[in-house]
Amino acid sequence: MIREFFDKNDETLDLYTKAITRAHGRNHPEVFEVRSLYQAIQDKVRGGNYDLASEFAKLRAVTNNYAIPGDVCGTFKATYELLAEFDSLARA
């Protein structure tokens, strides 16, 4: 299930994690770490490693459990929602 979710959503998450760094990096510097952690997840999954516990633990900490700030766009919201769904699948 992790691989299926990744294959379906990787292109979107890759684009969105880049986009939110440009759009919200000044007010929400944590998005740079979100981007870096997503890249680590990409590298692991593409290499066939599905042990993502460490990366998702860090994402939960950095994002305050994927809490969506009140001053962000729909792309930011969608990014955190997709990451939360991916996290949930990875922990199942």
Foldseek 3Di string as FASTA:
>chain_A
DLLVLCVVCVVLLLVLLVVCCVVPCVPQVLSVVVNVLSVVCVVCVVVVHLQSVVSLVVVCVSCVHLDDDPPDDPSSNVNSVSSNVSSVVSVD
